[in-house]
Every structure is written in structure tokens, then in C-alpha cells.
Amino acid sequence: MTTPDVLSAFFSRDVLASTLCVLCHHTKHPTDPITHTLLTMLTCTTNVQLTAVGLQPFRSKDLTLPYHSMTCKQREVLLELLQDKTKWNVYEDAMTYKGTLGMAKVDPLDLLESLCNTVLTSPTYVDKRMRVVICNILLQRVQSSVPLDKSVQSQLNARLFGSETSGLVST
């Protein structure tokens, strides 16, 4: 089991949207769970800490991915990781992986694209303009707290809108 296997199982582009949704639903931040989850994922390094409830994937311990919300592949990756007992610190209420996973971060472009795609395809608001406004609000909240490279903003617009002239965020 390698570090990329764990990162791929939880934070690759094809599963990132579902991971983000689950983490938003299970955050301990009651007033703005989406922005809080995004900021944690953008600023904290990854971590593998297993508790009785689930995986705490960031050094910030307030986001938990419950076992029942994981895919079979994600649970299999964790089970493989558990095979080597020498790579774990065991505490009273948790187990923390001692491997090299602690230096990795979630790709900001993939994370923001997952967020925007989830909002833009949501059936909650029929009017697409309202969904774009919601994306802009969330992105502005992120940008006011986390410095994002201008290339991330332009690449995000290109991924979401291709060659269209209008986009979500200005560069």
C-alpha cells in the first residue's frame, strides 16, 4: 500500500465531489459547513487517523468521513493500510498512521472544480444563474481566506466553461 493509493481513494478527481459532500455533512462547524470544509481541505495536510466513527483525513480533527459513507474501495484501502501494525500509533480513542501521508495536500483546482460542478448540476435551483451566483459566493469566501494562484482561477474557469468568455471568478 502506498501513499498515492490512499490519496487516490479519497481525493482523486473522480471521487473528490462525493468526499467533499460527505465531509460537509459531517463537519462540526454548524454555521457555514461548506466554507469551513473547503478551507480545511485547502489549508491542512492530509492525515490518516481512524476513530470509532470514521476517518479523520486532515490534521484538523473536526472533519470525519464516517465508515458507513465510504465506498468499498475506500474501506479496502484502509484495511490494506492496517495490515502493517508497525506503521500505526495507537491511542485511547484513535489510531494514527505514521507513514509519509502527512505532507500531502488536496489539489486546489480539483477541489474547487468538484465544488462548482456539484453546485452547477444541483437541481435545487432551476435557474442556472442562481447556481453560478452560489458558486461565486463560495469561491469569494475561499479566496478571502486562502491565497489562490491566478492560474488556479483561470484553469477553473477553463475547466468549467471551456472557451466561453464568461466565467465564475475573475483573474
C-alpha atoms as a PDB file:
ATOM      1  CA  MET A   1       0.000   0.000   0.000  1.00  0.00           C
ATOM      2  CA  THR A   2       1.431   3.329  -0.994  1.00  0.00           C
ATOM      3  CA  THR A   3       0.521   6.862  -0.074  1.00  0.00           C
ATOM      4  CA  PRO A   4      -0.818   7.638  -3.582  1.00  0.00           C
ATOM      5  CA  ASP A   5      -3.293   4.738  -3.193  1.00  0.00           C
ATOM      6  CA  VAL A   6      -4.802   6.355  -0.100  1.00  0.00           C
ATOM      7  CA  LEU A   7      -4.886   9.811  -1.661  1.00  0.00           C
ATOM      8  CA  SER A   8      -6.384   8.415  -4.848  1.00  0.00           C
ATOM      9  CA  ALA A   9      -9.092   6.507  -2.989  1.00  0.00           C
ATOM     10  CA  PHE A  10     -10.303   9.590  -1.123  1.00  0.00           C
ATOM     11  CA  PHE A  11      -9.144  12.674  -3.038  1.00  0.00           C
ATOM     12  CA  SER A  12      -8.746  11.832  -6.721  1.00  0.00           C
ATOM     13  CA  ARG A  13     -10.751  13.866  -9.195  1.00  0.00           C
ATOM     14  CA  ASP A  14     -13.363  11.138  -9.732  1.00  0.00           C
ATOM     15  CA  VAL A  15     -14.247  10.750  -6.018  1.00  0.00           C
ATOM     16  CA  LEU A  16     -13.489  14.221  -4.690  1.00  0.00           C
ATOM     17  CA  ALA A  17     -17.037  15.556  -5.111  1.00  0.00           C
ATOM     18  CA  SER A  18     -18.527  12.745  -3.035  1.00  0.00           C
ATOM     19  CA  THR A  19     -15.793  13.079  -0.391  1.00  0.00           C
ATOM     20  CA  LEU A  20     -16.460  16.824  -0.199  1.00  0.00           C
ATOM     21  CA  CYS A  21     -20.211  16.295   0.184  1.00  0.00           C
ATOM     22  CA  VAL A  22     -19.798  13.724   2.961  1.00  0.00           C
ATOM     23  CA  LEU A  23     -17.308  15.902   4.838  1.00  0.00           C
ATOM     24  CA  CYS A  24     -19.629  18.931   4.565  1.00  0.00           C
ATOM     25  CA  HIS A  25     -22.486  16.894   6.006  1.00  0.00           C
ATOM     26  CA  HIS A  26     -20.404  15.616   8.903  1.00  0.00           C
ATOM     27  CA  THR A  27     -18.437  18.712   9.909  1.00  0.00           C
ATOM     28  CA  LYS A  28     -18.651  20.018  13.450  1.00  0.00           C
ATOM     29  CA  HIS A  29     -18.928  23.608  12.149  1.00  0.00           C
ATOM     30  CA  PRO A  30     -22.631  24.484  12.410  1.00  0.00           C
ATOM     31  CA  THR A  31     -22.853  27.927  10.773  1.00  0.00           C
ATOM     32  CA  ASP A  32     -21.033  27.511   7.439  1.00  0.00           C
ATOM     33  CA  PRO A  33     -20.107  23.868   6.881  1.00  0.00           C
ATOM     34  CA  ILE A  34     -19.249  24.212   3.180  1.00  0.00           C
ATOM     35  CA  THR A  35     -16.775  27.074   3.508  1.00  0.00           C
ATOM     36  CA  HIS A  36     -15.283  25.554   6.653  1.00  0.00           C
ATOM     37  CA  THR A  37     -14.787  22.199   4.929  1.00  0.00           C
ATOM     38  CA  LEU A  38     -13.231  23.833   1.860  1.00  0.00           C
ATOM     39  CA  LEU A  39     -10.839  25.929   3.949  1.00  0.00           C
ATOM     40  CA  THR A  40      -9.772  22.895   5.967  1.00  0.00           C
ATOM     41  CA  MET A  41      -9.180  20.851   2.829  1.00  0.00           C
ATOM     42  CA  LEU A  42      -7.174  23.671   1.234  1.00  0.00           C
ATOM     43  CA  THR A  43      -5.005  24.551   4.238  1.00  0.00           C
ATOM     44  CA  CYS A  44      -4.431  21.347   6.184  1.00  0.00           C
ATOM     45  CA  THR A  45      -2.173  18.484   5.219  1.00  0.00           C
ATOM     46  CA  THR A  46      -3.686  15.043   4.882  1.00  0.00           C
ATOM     47  CA  ASN A  47      -3.667  12.603   7.726  1.00  0.00           C
ATOM     48  CA  VAL A  48      -4.926   9.100   8.337  1.00  0.00           C
ATOM     49  CA  GLN A  49      -6.474   8.951  11.756  1.00  0.00           C
ATOM     50  CA  LEU A  50      -9.048   6.268  12.421  1.00  0.00           C
ATOM     51  CA  THR A  51     -11.592   6.692  15.177  1.00  0.00           C
ATOM     52  CA  ALA A  52     -14.562   4.602  16.236  1.00  0.00           C
ATOM     53  CA  VAL A  53     -16.734   6.657  13.866  1.00  0.00           C
ATOM     54  CA  GLY A  54     -14.555   7.033  10.791  1.00  0.00           C
ATOM     55  CA  LEU A  55     -11.514   8.534   9.112  1.00  0.00           C
ATOM     56  CA  GLN A  56     -10.253  11.972  10.056  1.00  0.00           C
ATOM     57  CA  PRO A  57      -8.390  12.787   6.830  1.00  0.00           C
ATOM     58  CA  PHE A  58      -6.793  16.105   7.873  1.00  0.00           C
ATOM     59  CA  ARG A  59      -4.605  17.277  10.717  1.00  0.00           C
ATOM     60  CA  SER A  60      -7.547  19.421  11.726  1.00  0.00           C
ATOM     61  CA  LYS A  61      -9.636  16.906  13.643  1.00  0.00           C
ATOM     62  CA  ASP A  62     -13.050  18.451  13.029  1.00  0.00           C
ATOM     63  CA  LEU A  63     -13.797  16.666   9.728  1.00  0.00           C
ATOM     64  CA  THR A  64     -14.708  12.999   9.838  1.00  0.00           C
ATOM     65  CA  LEU A  65     -15.571  10.700   6.955  1.00  0.00           C
ATOM     66  CA  PRO A  66     -17.811   8.030   8.549  1.00  0.00           C
ATOM     67  CA  TYR A  67     -17.089   4.410   7.648  1.00  0.00           C
ATOM     68  CA  HIS A  68     -20.699   3.891   6.528  1.00  0.00           C
ATOM     69  CA  SER A  69     -20.282   6.694   3.956  1.00  0.00           C
ATOM     70  CA  MET A  70     -17.127   5.236   2.409  1.00  0.00           C
ATOM     71  CA  THR A  71     -17.068   3.278  -0.809  1.00  0.00           C
ATOM     72  CA  CYS A  72     -15.960  -0.346  -0.795  1.00  0.00           C
ATOM     73  CA  LYS A  73     -12.694   0.721  -2.452  1.00  0.00           C
ATOM     74  CA  GLN A  74     -12.012   3.291   0.281  1.00  0.00           C
ATOM     75  CA  ARG A  75     -12.605   0.728   3.044  1.00  0.00           C
ATOM     76  CA  GLU A  76     -10.368  -1.777   1.232  1.00  0.00           C
ATOM     77  CA  VAL A  77      -7.559   0.780   1.043  1.00  0.00           C
ATOM     78  CA  LEU A  78      -7.828   1.408   4.790  1.00  0.00           C
ATOM     79  CA  LEU A  79      -7.882  -2.323   5.526  1.00  0.00           C
ATOM     80  CA  GLU A  80      -4.706  -2.778   3.470  1.00  0.00           C
ATOM     81  CA  LEU A  81      -3.081   0.067   5.354  1.00  0.00           C
ATOM     82  CA  LEU A  82      -3.999  -1.583   8.659  1.00  0.00           C
ATOM     83  CA  GLN A  83      -2.101  -4.765   7.756  1.00  0.00           C
ATOM     84  CA  ASP A  84       1.243  -3.295   8.840  1.00  0.00           C
ATOM     85  CA  LYS A  85       0.761  -2.778  12.584  1.00  0.00           C
ATOM     86  CA  THR A  86       4.213  -1.162  12.921  1.00  0.00           C
ATOM     87  CA  LYS A  87       3.080   1.930  10.981  1.00  0.00           C
ATOM     88  CA  TRP A  88       0.391   2.953  13.460  1.00  0.00           C
ATOM     89  CA  ASN A  89       0.368   4.930  16.687  1.00  0.00           C
ATOM     90  CA  VAL A  90      -2.432   3.631  18.872  1.00  0.00           C
ATOM     91  CA  TYR A  91      -4.094   5.961  21.348  1.00  0.00           C
ATOM     92  CA  GLU A  92      -7.065   5.522  23.647  1.00  0.00           C
ATOM     93  CA  ASP A  93      -9.621   6.839  21.159  1.00  0.00           C
ATOM     94  CA  ALA A  94      -7.836   6.749  17.779  1.00  0.00           C
ATOM     95  CA  MET A  95      -5.109   5.236  15.610  1.00  0.00           C
ATOM     96  CA  THR A  96      -2.831   7.465  13.555  1.00  0.00           C
ATOM     97  CA  TYR A  97      -0.835   6.301  10.552  1.00  0.00           C
ATOM     98  CA  LYS A  98       2.893   7.049  10.873  1.00  0.00           C
ATOM     99  CA  GLY A  99       3.657   6.825   7.156  1.00  0.00           C
ATOM    100  CA  THR A 100       4.536   9.594   4.712  1.00  0.00           C
ATOM    101  CA  LEU A 101       0.942  10.653   4.039  1.00  0.00           C
ATOM    102  CA  GLY A 102       1.186  13.679   6.330  1.00  0.00           C
ATOM    103  CA  MET A 103       2.810  16.005   3.811  1.00  0.00           C
ATOM    104  CA  ALA A 104       0.232  15.759   1.019  1.00  0.00           C
ATOM    105  CA  LYS A 105      -2.454  18.331   0.252  1.00  0.00           C
ATOM    106  CA  VAL A 106      -5.605  18.144  -1.811  1.00  0.00           C
ATOM    107  CA  ASP A 107      -5.220  19.722  -5.248  1.00  0.00           C
ATOM    108  CA  PRO A 108      -6.980  23.127  -5.021  1.00  0.00           C
ATOM    109  CA  LEU A 109      -8.051  23.124  -8.659  1.00  0.00           C
ATOM    110  CA  ASP A 110      -9.641  19.666  -8.401  1.00  0.00           C
ATOM    111  CA  LEU A 111     -11.344  20.589  -5.128  1.00  0.00           C
ATOM    112  CA  LEU A 112     -12.825  23.848  -6.407  1.00  0.00           C
ATOM    113  CA  GLU A 113     -13.891  22.192  -9.652  1.00  0.00           C
ATOM    114  CA  SER A 114     -15.670  19.454  -7.670  1.00  0.00           C
ATOM    115  CA  LEU A 115     -17.440  22.066  -5.587  1.00  0.00           C
ATOM    116  CA  CYS A 116     -18.542  24.109  -8.586  1.00  0.00           C
ATOM    117  CA  ASN A 117     -19.655  21.087 -10.601  1.00  0.00           C
ATOM    118  CA  THR A 118     -21.734  19.888  -7.649  1.00  0.00           C
ATOM    119  CA  VAL A 119     -23.425  23.282  -7.294  1.00  0.00           C
ATOM    120  CA  LEU A 120     -23.832  23.861 -11.035  1.00  0.00           C
ATOM    121  CA  THR A 121     -25.510  20.471 -11.566  1.00  0.00           C
ATOM    122  CA  SER A 122     -27.680  20.659  -8.459  1.00  0.00           C
ATOM    123  CA  PRO A 123     -31.423  20.511  -9.148  1.00  0.00           C
ATOM    124  CA  THR A 124     -32.108  22.689  -6.082  1.00  0.00           C
ATOM    125  CA  TYR A 125     -32.164  25.880  -8.131  1.00  0.00           C
ATOM    126  CA  VAL A 126     -33.744  25.673 -11.571  1.00  0.00           C
ATOM    127  CA  ASP A 127     -32.173  28.928 -12.766  1.00  0.00           C
ATOM    128  CA  LYS A 128     -28.538  28.322 -13.782  1.00  0.00           C
ATOM    129  CA  ARG A 129     -27.703  31.949 -12.985  1.00  0.00           C
ATOM    130  CA  MET A 130     -28.588  31.341  -9.327  1.00  0.00           C
ATOM    131  CA  ARG A 131     -26.250  28.328  -9.225  1.00  0.00           C
ATOM    132  CA  VAL A 132     -23.440  30.446 -10.714  1.00  0.00           C
ATOM    133  CA  VAL A 133     -24.085  33.118  -8.064  1.00  0.00           C
ATOM    134  CA  ILE A 134     -23.820  30.487  -5.327  1.00  0.00           C
ATOM    135  CA  CYS A 135     -20.507  29.249  -6.770  1.00  0.00           C
ATOM    136  CA  ASN A 136     -19.195  32.795  -6.878  1.00  0.00           C
ATOM    137  CA  ILE A 137     -20.157  33.407  -3.250  1.00  0.00           C
ATOM    138  CA  LEU A 138     -18.421  30.225  -2.110  1.00  0.00           C
ATOM    139  CA  LEU A 139     -15.333  30.962  -4.194  1.00  0.00           C
ATOM    140  CA  GLN A 140     -15.148  34.524  -2.849  1.00  0.00           C
ATOM    141  CA  ARG A 141     -15.301  33.195   0.708  1.00  0.00           C
ATOM    142  CA  VAL A 142     -12.448  30.816  -0.050  1.00  0.00           C
ATOM    143  CA  GLN A 143     -10.369  33.480  -1.809  1.00  0.00           C
ATOM    144  CA  SER A 144     -10.771  35.898   1.090  1.00  0.00           C
ATOM    145  CA  SER A 145      -9.195  33.331   3.436  1.00  0.00           C
ATOM    146  CA  VAL A 146      -6.786  31.319   1.291  1.00  0.00           C
ATOM    147  CA  PRO A 147      -4.444  32.821  -1.279  1.00  0.00           C
ATOM    148  CA  LEU A 148      -5.055  31.128  -4.617  1.00  0.00           C
ATOM    149  CA  ASP A 149      -2.737  31.444  -7.562  1.00  0.00           C
ATOM    150  CA  LYS A 150      -4.254  33.323 -10.516  1.00  0.00           C
ATOM    151  CA  SER A 151      -3.589  30.288 -12.693  1.00  0.00           C
ATOM    152  CA  VAL A 152      -5.917  28.213 -10.470  1.00  0.00           C
ATOM    153  CA  GLN A 153      -8.703  30.711 -11.087  1.00  0.00           C
ATOM    154  CA  SER A 154      -8.204  30.787 -14.850  1.00  0.00           C
ATOM    155  CA  GLN A 155      -7.828  26.994 -15.070  1.00  0.00           C
ATOM    156  CA  LEU A 156     -11.024  26.583 -13.041  1.00  0.00           C
ATOM    157  CA  ASN A 157     -12.935  28.797 -15.473  1.00  0.00           C
ATOM    158  CA  ALA A 158     -11.443  26.886 -18.421  1.00  0.00           C
ATOM    159  CA  ARG A 159     -12.429  23.515 -16.952  1.00  0.00           C
ATOM    160  CA  LEU A 160     -15.941  24.657 -16.119  1.00  0.00           C
ATOM    161  CA  PHE A 161     -16.744  26.770 -19.141  1.00  0.00           C
ATOM    162  CA  GLY A 162     -14.200  25.841 -21.785  1.00  0.00           C
ATOM    163  CA  SER A 163     -13.768  28.649 -24.275  1.00  0.00           C
ATOM    164  CA  GLU A 164     -16.778  30.635 -23.078  1.00  0.00           C
ATOM    165  CA  THR A 165     -15.898  34.235 -22.328  1.00  0.00           C
ATOM    166  CA  SER A 166     -17.789  34.447 -19.055  1.00  0.00           C
ATOM    167  CA  GLY A 167     -16.664  32.523 -16.052  1.00  0.00           C
ATOM    168  CA  LEU A 168     -17.143  32.208 -12.344  1.00  0.00           C
ATOM    169  CA  VAL A 169     -14.173  34.057 -10.989  1.00  0.00           C
ATOM    170  CA  SER A 170     -12.221  36.922 -12.405  1.00  0.00           C
ATOM    171  CA  THR A 171      -8.482  36.518 -12.801  1.00  0.00           C
END
